[in-house]
């Protein structure tokens, strides 16, 4: 599987599972916003080779995900609580996969593909 697809799937699945687990704990707007992003990522899987500009929109979203998560008080607090319970630890792992690993893999895949050309 190409790294670019893997990164999108990893991000989408992590965000989807995390948003479901946080359904009654965060404001509804965050859940809806996350689900919109998940749908966009899934649609992008099918259209990324057809519309080249989509790669760069996803690049911007990947960079924003890293920046916003790194500066979010809730995410920083969640990191501090890592290991305190299975529930929190699971959410932290999903956060790391969805907001850091997936986006970083996407950036690496995009750079690698562009350097090959």
Protein backbone atom coordinates (compact mmCIF):
# COMPACT_ATOMS: atom_id res chain seq x y z
CA UNK A 1 0.00 0.00 0.00
CA UNK A 2 1.32 3.41 -0.85
CA UNK A 3 2.40 5.44 2.16
CA UNK A 4 0.15 8.34 1.16
CA UNK A 5 -2.95 6.11 1.34
CA UNK A 6 -1.81 4.45 4.55
CA UNK A 7 -1.35 7.85 6.22
CA UNK A 8 -4.84 8.99 5.21
CA UNK A 9 -6.44 5.75 6.40
CA UNK A 10 -4.49 5.83 9.68
CA UNK A 11 -5.53 9.42 10.33
CA UNK A 12 -9.18 8.87 9.39
CA UNK A 13 -9.58 5.72 11.49
CA UNK A 14 -7.80 7.23 14.50
CA UNK A 15 -9.91 10.40 14.38
CA UNK A 16 -13.12 8.43 13.88
CA UNK A 17 -12.53 6.07 16.80
CA UNK A 18 -11.33 8.94 19.02
CA UNK A 19 -14.37 11.07 18.21
CA UNK A 20 -16.70 8.18 18.98
CA UNK A 21 -14.96 7.56 22.32
CA UNK A 22 -15.26 11.27 23.20
CA UNK A 23 -18.85 11.63 21.98
CA UNK A 24 -20.39 12.69 25.30
CA UNK A 25 -17.29 14.38 26.72
CA UNK A 26 -16.54 17.16 24.21
CA UNK A 27 -18.79 19.83 22.68
CA UNK A 28 -20.88 18.47 19.82
CA UNK A 29 -19.27 20.94 17.38
CA UNK A 30 -15.88 19.22 17.85
CA UNK A 31 -17.41 15.83 17.12
CA UNK A 32 -19.20 17.10 14.02
CA UNK A 33 -16.06 18.90 12.83
CA UNK A 34 -13.98 15.78 13.31
CA UNK A 35 -16.49 13.66 11.42
CA UNK A 36 -16.48 16.16 8.54
CA UNK A 37 -12.69 15.87 8.38
CA UNK A 38 -12.94 12.05 8.46
CA UNK A 39 -15.42 12.08 5.55
CA UNK A 40 -13.13 14.47 3.65
CA UNK A 41 -10.14 12.16 4.23
CA UNK A 42 -12.09 9.12 3.02
CA UNK A 43 -13.29 10.94 -0.10
CA UNK A 44 -9.72 12.13 -0.69
CA UNK A 45 -8.55 8.52 -0.82
CA UNK A 46 -10.56 8.05 -3.99
CA UNK A 47 -9.88 11.45 -5.59
CA UNK A 48 -6.26 12.21 -4.69
CA UNK A 49 -4.85 10.92 -7.98
CA UNK A 50 -7.53 12.59 -10.06
CA UNK A 51 -7.22 16.10 -8.59
CA UNK A 52 -3.62 17.13 -7.96
CA UNK A 53 -4.58 20.22 -5.91
CA UNK A 54 -6.11 17.90 -3.32
CA UNK A 55 -2.62 16.76 -2.30
CA UNK A 56 -1.76 20.30 -1.29
CA UNK A 57 -5.03 20.88 0.57
CA UNK A 58 -4.26 17.71 2.53
CA UNK A 59 -0.72 18.99 3.14
CA UNK A 60 -2.13 22.17 4.67
CA UNK A 61 -4.53 20.12 6.82
CA UNK A 62 -1.66 17.87 7.97
CA UNK A 63 0.44 20.85 9.03
CA UNK A 64 -2.55 22.47 10.75
CA UNK A 65 -3.36 19.22 12.60
CA UNK A 66 0.13 19.10 14.06
CA UNK A 67 0.18 22.80 15.00
CA UNK A 68 -3.32 22.92 16.46
CA UNK A 69 -2.92 19.71 18.44
CA UNK A 70 0.46 20.85 19.79
CA UNK A 71 -1.03 24.11 21.03
CA UNK A 72 -4.34 22.73 22.34
CA UNK A 73 -4.67 22.87 26.10
CA UNK A 74 -6.92 19.81 26.10
CA UNK A 75 -4.41 17.77 24.10
CA UNK A 76 -1.50 18.87 26.29
CA UNK A 77 -3.49 17.93 29.40
CA UNK A 78 -4.32 14.57 27.83
CA UNK A 79 -0.61 13.91 27.32
CA UNK A 80 -0.02 14.65 31.00
CA UNK A 81 -2.64 12.06 31.95
CA UNK A 82 -1.09 9.35 29.76
CA UNK A 83 -1.10 6.01 31.57
CA UNK A 84 -3.58 6.97 34.29
CA UNK A 85 -6.30 4.75 32.88
CA UNK A 86 -6.84 2.47 29.92
CA UNK A 87 -9.46 4.85 28.53
CA UNK A 88 -7.20 7.93 28.66
CA UNK A 89 -4.21 5.99 27.34
CA UNK A 90 -6.26 4.67 24.42
CA UNK A 91 -7.41 8.20 23.60
CA UNK A 92 -3.82 9.45 23.84
CA UNK A 93 -2.58 6.77 21.45
CA UNK A 94 -5.37 7.63 19.02
CA UNK A 95 -4.48 11.32 19.35
CA UNK A 96 -0.83 10.60 18.60
CA UNK A 97 -1.77 8.48 15.58
CA UNK A 98 -4.41 10.88 14.24
CA UNK A 99 -2.77 14.24 14.88
CA UNK A 100 0.95 13.43 14.61
CA UNK A 101 1.90 10.08 13.05
CA UNK A 102 -0.67 10.12 10.23
CA UNK A 103 -0.02 13.74 9.21
CA UNK A 104 3.77 13.34 9.44
CA UNK A 105 3.61 10.19 7.30
CA UNK A 106 1.49 12.10 4.77
CA UNK A 107 4.03 14.94 4.62
CA UNK A 108 6.90 12.46 4.19
CA UNK A 109 5.00 10.56 1.47
CA UNK A 110 4.16 13.75 -0.42
CA UNK A 111 7.74 15.03 -0.22
CA UNK A 112 9.11 11.66 -1.30
CA UNK A 113 6.72 11.46 -4.26
CA UNK A 114 7.56 15.00 -5.34
CA UNK A 115 11.31 14.41 -5.06
CA UNK A 116 11.04 11.33 -7.31
CA UNK A 117 9.75 13.50 -10.15
